[in-house]
N, C-alpha and C. Protein backbone atom coordinates (compact mmCIF):
# COMPACT_ATOMS: atom_id res chain seq x y z
N MET A 1 3.30 18.30 -1.14
CA MET A 1 1.93 18.10 -0.70
C MET A 1 1.95 17.46 0.68
N ASP A 2 1.06 17.93 1.54
CA ASP A 2 1.03 17.44 2.90
C ASP A 2 -0.21 16.58 3.14
N CYS A 3 -0.35 15.54 2.33
CA CYS A 3 -1.51 14.66 2.42
C CYS A 3 -1.13 13.38 3.17
N ILE A 4 -1.83 13.12 4.26
CA ILE A 4 -1.50 11.95 5.07
C ILE A 4 -1.67 10.64 4.30
N PHE A 5 -2.68 10.54 3.45
CA PHE A 5 -2.88 9.30 2.70
C PHE A 5 -1.80 9.12 1.63
N CYS A 6 -1.32 10.21 1.04
CA CYS A 6 -0.20 10.11 0.10
C CYS A 6 1.05 9.60 0.82
N LYS A 7 1.26 10.10 2.03
CA LYS A 7 2.43 9.68 2.81
C LYS A 7 2.33 8.21 3.22
N ILE A 8 1.13 7.75 3.56
CA ILE A 8 0.94 6.34 3.89
C ILE A 8 1.15 5.48 2.65
N ALA A 9 0.54 5.88 1.54
CA ALA A 9 0.63 5.10 0.30
C ALA A 9 2.07 4.99 -0.20
N SER A 10 2.87 6.04 -0.01
CA SER A 10 4.25 6.03 -0.48
C SER A 10 5.21 5.35 0.48
N GLY A 11 4.75 5.07 1.70
CA GLY A 11 5.61 4.45 2.70
C GLY A 11 6.34 5.45 3.58
N GLU A 12 6.12 6.75 3.32
CA GLU A 12 6.74 7.78 4.15
C GLU A 12 6.26 7.66 5.60
N ILE A 13 4.98 7.37 5.76
CA ILE A 13 4.43 7.04 7.08
C ILE A 13 4.19 5.53 7.07
N LYS A 14 4.79 4.85 8.01
CA LYS A 14 4.68 3.39 8.07
C LYS A 14 3.27 2.95 8.42
N SER A 15 2.81 1.95 7.71
CA SER A 15 1.49 1.37 7.96
C SER A 15 1.54 -0.09 7.54
N ASN A 16 0.77 -0.90 8.21
CA ASN A 16 0.68 -2.30 7.83
C ASN A 16 -0.46 -2.44 6.83
N PHE A 17 -0.11 -2.61 5.57
CA PHE A 17 -1.12 -2.77 4.54
C PHE A 17 -1.79 -4.13 4.69
N VAL A 18 -3.11 -4.13 4.61
CA VAL A 18 -3.86 -5.39 4.60
C VAL A 18 -4.07 -5.86 3.18
N GLY A 19 -3.72 -5.01 2.22
CA GLY A 19 -3.79 -5.34 0.81
C GLY A 19 -3.24 -4.19 0.00
N GLU A 20 -2.77 -4.52 -1.20
CA GLU A 20 -2.26 -3.48 -2.09
C GLU A 20 -2.14 -4.03 -3.49
N ASN A 21 -2.14 -3.13 -4.45
CA ASN A 21 -1.86 -3.47 -5.84
C ASN A 21 -1.21 -2.24 -6.48
N ASP A 22 -1.10 -2.23 -7.79
CA ASP A 22 -0.44 -1.11 -8.46
C ASP A 22 -1.16 0.22 -8.28
N TRP A 23 -2.46 0.18 -8.07
CA TRP A 23 -3.27 1.39 -8.01
C TRP A 23 -3.66 1.84 -6.61
N PHE A 24 -3.83 0.88 -5.68
CA PHE A 24 -4.42 1.17 -4.37
C PHE A 24 -3.64 0.50 -3.24
N VAL A 25 -3.77 1.07 -2.04
CA VAL A 25 -3.30 0.44 -0.81
C VAL A 25 -4.47 0.40 0.16
N ALA A 26 -4.45 -0.57 1.05
CA ALA A 26 -5.52 -0.73 2.04
C ALA A 26 -4.90 -0.97 3.40
N PHE A 27 -5.49 -0.34 4.41
CA PHE A 27 -4.98 -0.47 5.77
C PHE A 27 -6.13 -0.28 6.75
N ASP A 28 -5.95 -0.81 7.95
CA ASP A 28 -6.97 -0.69 8.99
C ASP A 28 -7.09 0.77 9.42
N ASP A 29 -8.34 1.24 9.60
CA ASP A 29 -8.60 2.60 10.07
C ASP A 29 -8.15 2.71 11.51
N ILE A 30 -7.52 3.84 11.86
CA ILE A 30 -7.05 4.01 13.24
C ILE A 30 -8.18 4.37 14.20
N ASN A 31 -9.34 4.77 13.67
CA ASN A 31 -10.52 5.07 14.48
C ASN A 31 -11.70 4.26 13.95
N PRO A 32 -11.68 2.94 14.15
CA PRO A 32 -12.71 2.09 13.54
C PRO A 32 -14.10 2.34 14.12
N VAL A 33 -15.11 2.25 13.24
CA VAL A 33 -16.50 2.36 13.66
C VAL A 33 -17.21 1.01 13.59
N ALA A 34 -16.47 -0.02 13.25
CA ALA A 34 -16.98 -1.40 13.19
C ALA A 34 -15.80 -2.31 13.47
N PRO A 35 -16.08 -3.57 13.85
CA PRO A 35 -14.97 -4.50 14.12
C PRO A 35 -13.98 -4.61 12.95
N THR A 36 -14.49 -4.57 11.72
CA THR A 36 -13.63 -4.48 10.55
C THR A 36 -13.87 -3.11 9.93
N HIS A 37 -12.80 -2.33 9.83
CA HIS A 37 -12.89 -1.00 9.21
C HIS A 37 -11.56 -0.77 8.48
N VAL A 38 -11.60 -0.97 7.18
CA VAL A 38 -10.41 -0.84 6.35
C VAL A 38 -10.60 0.34 5.40
N LEU A 39 -9.54 1.10 5.21
CA LEU A 39 -9.53 2.18 4.23
C LEU A 39 -8.79 1.72 2.98
N VAL A 40 -9.36 2.00 1.82
CA VAL A 40 -8.71 1.72 0.55
C VAL A 40 -8.49 3.06 -0.14
N VAL A 41 -7.23 3.39 -0.42
CA VAL A 41 -6.90 4.70 -0.99
C VAL A 41 -6.08 4.53 -2.26
N PRO A 42 -6.30 5.41 -3.23
CA PRO A 42 -5.44 5.40 -4.42
C PRO A 42 -4.00 5.75 -4.03
N ARG A 43 -3.05 5.12 -4.69
CA ARG A 43 -1.64 5.43 -4.45
C ARG A 43 -1.32 6.87 -4.87
N LYS A 44 -1.93 7.33 -5.97
CA LYS A 44 -1.74 8.70 -6.43
C LYS A 44 -2.77 9.59 -5.75
N HIS A 45 -2.44 10.86 -5.62
CA HIS A 45 -3.38 11.78 -5.00
C HIS A 45 -4.57 12.01 -5.94
N VAL A 46 -5.71 11.55 -5.52
CA VAL A 46 -6.97 11.70 -6.26
C VAL A 46 -7.95 12.33 -5.28
N LYS A 47 -8.50 13.48 -5.66
CA LYS A 47 -9.39 14.20 -4.74
C LYS A 47 -10.85 13.77 -4.82
N SER A 48 -11.27 13.22 -5.97
CA SER A 48 -12.70 12.98 -6.13
C SER A 48 -12.98 11.76 -6.98
N LEU A 49 -14.22 11.32 -6.92
CA LEU A 49 -14.65 10.22 -7.79
C LEU A 49 -14.53 10.61 -9.26
N GLU A 50 -14.79 11.88 -9.55
CA GLU A 50 -14.68 12.36 -10.93
C GLU A 50 -13.26 12.21 -11.45
N GLU A 51 -12.28 12.51 -10.61
CA GLU A 51 -10.88 12.34 -11.01
C GLU A 51 -10.56 10.88 -11.24
N LEU A 52 -11.05 10.01 -10.35
CA LEU A 52 -10.80 8.58 -10.49
C LEU A 52 -11.42 8.04 -11.77
N ALA A 53 -12.55 8.58 -12.15
CA ALA A 53 -13.24 8.13 -13.36
C ALA A 53 -12.42 8.37 -14.62
N GLN A 54 -11.42 9.23 -14.55
CA GLN A 54 -10.56 9.51 -15.70
C GLN A 54 -9.56 8.38 -15.96
N TYR A 55 -9.37 7.50 -14.98
CA TYR A 55 -8.44 6.39 -15.15
C TYR A 55 -9.11 5.28 -15.95
N ASP A 56 -8.30 4.38 -16.47
CA ASP A 56 -8.86 3.33 -17.33
C ASP A 56 -9.56 2.23 -16.53
N ILE A 57 -10.19 1.35 -17.23
CA ILE A 57 -10.98 0.28 -16.63
C ILE A 57 -10.12 -0.65 -15.77
N ASP A 58 -8.85 -0.80 -16.09
CA ASP A 58 -7.97 -1.66 -15.29
C ASP A 58 -7.84 -1.14 -13.86
N CYS A 59 -7.88 0.17 -13.72
CA CYS A 59 -7.82 0.77 -12.38
C CYS A 59 -9.02 0.34 -11.56
N MET A 60 -10.21 0.49 -12.12
CA MET A 60 -11.42 0.13 -11.38
C MET A 60 -11.51 -1.37 -11.14
N LYS A 61 -11.10 -2.15 -12.11
CA LYS A 61 -11.08 -3.60 -11.93
C LYS A 61 -10.16 -3.97 -10.77
N SER A 62 -9.01 -3.33 -10.70
CA SER A 62 -8.07 -3.63 -9.61
C SER A 62 -8.64 -3.23 -8.25
N PHE A 63 -9.45 -2.17 -8.23
CA PHE A 63 -10.08 -1.75 -6.98
C PHE A 63 -11.01 -2.84 -6.46
N PHE A 64 -11.90 -3.31 -7.33
CA PHE A 64 -12.87 -4.33 -6.89
C PHE A 64 -12.21 -5.66 -6.58
N GLU A 65 -11.14 -5.99 -7.26
CA GLU A 65 -10.38 -7.20 -6.93
C GLU A 65 -9.74 -7.08 -5.56
N LEU A 66 -9.22 -5.89 -5.24
CA LEU A 66 -8.61 -5.67 -3.93
C LEU A 66 -9.66 -5.74 -2.82
N VAL A 67 -10.82 -5.13 -3.04
CA VAL A 67 -11.90 -5.22 -2.06
C VAL A 67 -12.25 -6.68 -1.82
N GLU A 68 -12.38 -7.45 -2.88
CA GLU A 68 -12.69 -8.88 -2.76
C GLU A 68 -11.65 -9.61 -1.90
N GLN A 69 -10.37 -9.33 -2.13
CA GLN A 69 -9.30 -9.95 -1.34
C GLN A 69 -9.41 -9.58 0.13
N ILE A 70 -9.70 -8.31 0.39
CA ILE A 70 -9.76 -7.83 1.77
C ILE A 70 -10.92 -8.45 2.52
N VAL A 71 -12.10 -8.49 1.92
CA VAL A 71 -13.25 -9.05 2.65
C VAL A 71 -13.07 -10.55 2.88
N GLU A 72 -12.38 -11.22 1.99
CA GLU A 72 -12.06 -12.64 2.23
C GLU A 72 -11.06 -12.75 3.38
N LEU A 73 -9.99 -11.95 3.33
CA LEU A 73 -8.96 -11.96 4.37
C LEU A 73 -9.54 -11.65 5.74
N LYS A 74 -10.44 -10.69 5.81
CA LYS A 74 -11.02 -10.25 7.08
C LYS A 74 -12.19 -11.13 7.53
N GLY A 75 -12.60 -12.07 6.68
CA GLY A 75 -13.66 -13.01 7.06
C GLY A 75 -15.06 -12.42 7.07
N ILE A 76 -15.31 -11.40 6.26
CA ILE A 76 -16.63 -10.76 6.25
C ILE A 76 -17.35 -10.92 4.92
N LYS A 77 -16.78 -11.68 4.01
CA LYS A 77 -17.40 -11.82 2.69
C LYS A 77 -18.78 -12.45 2.78
N SER A 78 -18.90 -13.55 3.52
CA SER A 78 -20.18 -14.26 3.55
C SER A 78 -21.22 -13.57 4.45
N SER A 79 -20.77 -12.90 5.51
CA SER A 79 -21.72 -12.26 6.42
C SER A 79 -22.18 -10.90 5.91
N GLY A 80 -21.39 -10.30 5.04
CA GLY A 80 -21.75 -9.01 4.47
C GLY A 80 -20.87 -7.88 4.95
N TYR A 81 -20.82 -6.86 4.14
CA TYR A 81 -20.00 -5.69 4.46
C TYR A 81 -20.59 -4.48 3.75
N ARG A 82 -20.12 -3.32 4.17
CA ARG A 82 -20.56 -2.07 3.56
C ARG A 82 -19.32 -1.40 2.94
N LEU A 83 -19.48 -0.90 1.72
CA LEU A 83 -18.43 -0.17 1.02
C LEU A 83 -18.92 1.26 0.87
N ILE A 84 -18.20 2.20 1.47
CA ILE A 84 -18.66 3.59 1.54
C ILE A 84 -17.58 4.53 0.99
N VAL A 85 -18.02 5.55 0.29
CA VAL A 85 -17.15 6.66 -0.08
C VAL A 85 -17.86 7.94 0.32
N ASN A 86 -17.15 8.80 1.02
CA ASN A 86 -17.66 10.11 1.37
C ASN A 86 -17.04 11.11 0.40
N GLN A 87 -17.88 11.89 -0.26
CA GLN A 87 -17.41 12.84 -1.27
C GLN A 87 -17.76 14.25 -0.85
N GLY A 88 -16.76 15.03 -0.48
CA GLY A 88 -16.97 16.44 -0.12
C GLY A 88 -17.27 16.65 1.35
N SER A 89 -17.18 17.89 1.77
CA SER A 89 -17.29 18.22 3.19
C SER A 89 -18.66 17.92 3.78
N ASP A 90 -19.74 18.09 3.03
CA ASP A 90 -21.07 17.81 3.56
C ASP A 90 -21.27 16.33 3.87
N SER A 91 -20.49 15.46 3.25
CA SER A 91 -20.62 14.02 3.49
C SER A 91 -19.86 13.57 4.72
N GLY A 92 -18.99 14.44 5.22
CA GLY A 92 -18.16 14.08 6.35
C GLY A 92 -16.74 13.71 5.96
N GLN A 93 -16.38 13.89 4.69
CA GLN A 93 -15.02 13.59 4.24
C GLN A 93 -14.05 14.49 4.98
N GLU A 94 -13.07 13.88 5.66
CA GLU A 94 -12.12 14.65 6.47
C GLU A 94 -10.77 14.84 5.79
N VAL A 95 -10.38 13.90 4.94
CA VAL A 95 -9.11 13.98 4.22
C VAL A 95 -9.42 14.14 2.74
N GLU A 96 -8.87 15.18 2.11
CA GLU A 96 -9.17 15.44 0.71
C GLU A 96 -8.31 14.57 -0.21
N HIS A 97 -8.36 13.30 0.03
CA HIS A 97 -7.76 12.26 -0.81
C HIS A 97 -8.83 11.18 -0.85
N LEU A 98 -9.32 10.90 -2.03
CA LEU A 98 -10.40 9.93 -2.16
C LEU A 98 -10.05 8.65 -1.42
N HIS A 99 -11.01 8.15 -0.64
CA HIS A 99 -10.80 6.89 0.07
C HIS A 99 -12.13 6.19 0.27
N PHE A 100 -12.05 4.89 0.34
CA PHE A 100 -13.22 4.04 0.49
C PHE A 100 -13.12 3.32 1.82
N HIS A 101 -14.25 3.18 2.50
CA HIS A 101 -14.32 2.46 3.77
C HIS A 101 -14.96 1.10 3.53
N ILE A 102 -14.33 0.06 4.04
CA ILE A 102 -14.95 -1.27 4.08
C ILE A 102 -15.29 -1.53 5.53
N LEU A 103 -16.58 -1.68 5.82
CA LEU A 103 -17.06 -1.90 7.18
C LEU A 103 -17.74 -3.25 7.28
N GLY A 104 -17.52 -3.95 8.37
CA GLY A 104 -18.18 -5.22 8.59
C GLY A 104 -17.81 -5.80 9.94
N GLY A 105 -18.16 -7.05 10.14
CA GLY A 105 -17.84 -7.74 11.38
C GLY A 105 -18.96 -7.73 12.40
N ARG A 106 -20.05 -7.04 12.10
CA ARG A 106 -21.25 -7.04 12.95
C ARG A 106 -22.40 -6.54 12.08
N LYS A 107 -23.60 -6.70 12.60
CA LYS A 107 -24.78 -6.19 11.89
C LYS A 107 -24.71 -4.67 11.93
N LEU A 108 -24.73 -4.06 10.75
CA LEU A 108 -24.65 -2.60 10.65
C LEU A 108 -26.05 -2.00 10.58
N GLY A 109 -26.21 -0.85 11.18
CA GLY A 109 -27.51 -0.18 11.17
C GLY A 109 -27.89 0.31 9.79
N ARG A 110 -29.16 0.60 9.65
CA ARG A 110 -29.68 1.13 8.38
C ARG A 110 -29.16 2.54 8.16
N LEU A 111 -28.96 2.89 6.91
CA LEU A 111 -28.58 4.25 6.57
C LEU A 111 -29.82 5.08 6.33
N GLY A 112 -29.73 6.37 6.67
CA GLY A 112 -30.83 7.27 6.36
C GLY A 112 -31.91 7.12 7.31
């Protein structure tokens, strides 16, 4: 499989993780749209939210615990942050490996 996020998660492509656990890795986006822009990706290749939903509750709990660690580490917990997932091509998803964006570090504009 030629998935860039799989290669990053496995260590085949070197990246400085800002957080990780058994299920997910997190790293700074190379094209940030906010002062803090972190990507959180499953270690295994997961294409959609529906696929992720098949995993047990420990997986999802670990996701939210990792997000909590990252926003504390990046200093955006108290000021606020946005957690985004783009699902499918119409949403703007560019890599077909499920990933979540954590955005913060400034006042973000309204959506929609």
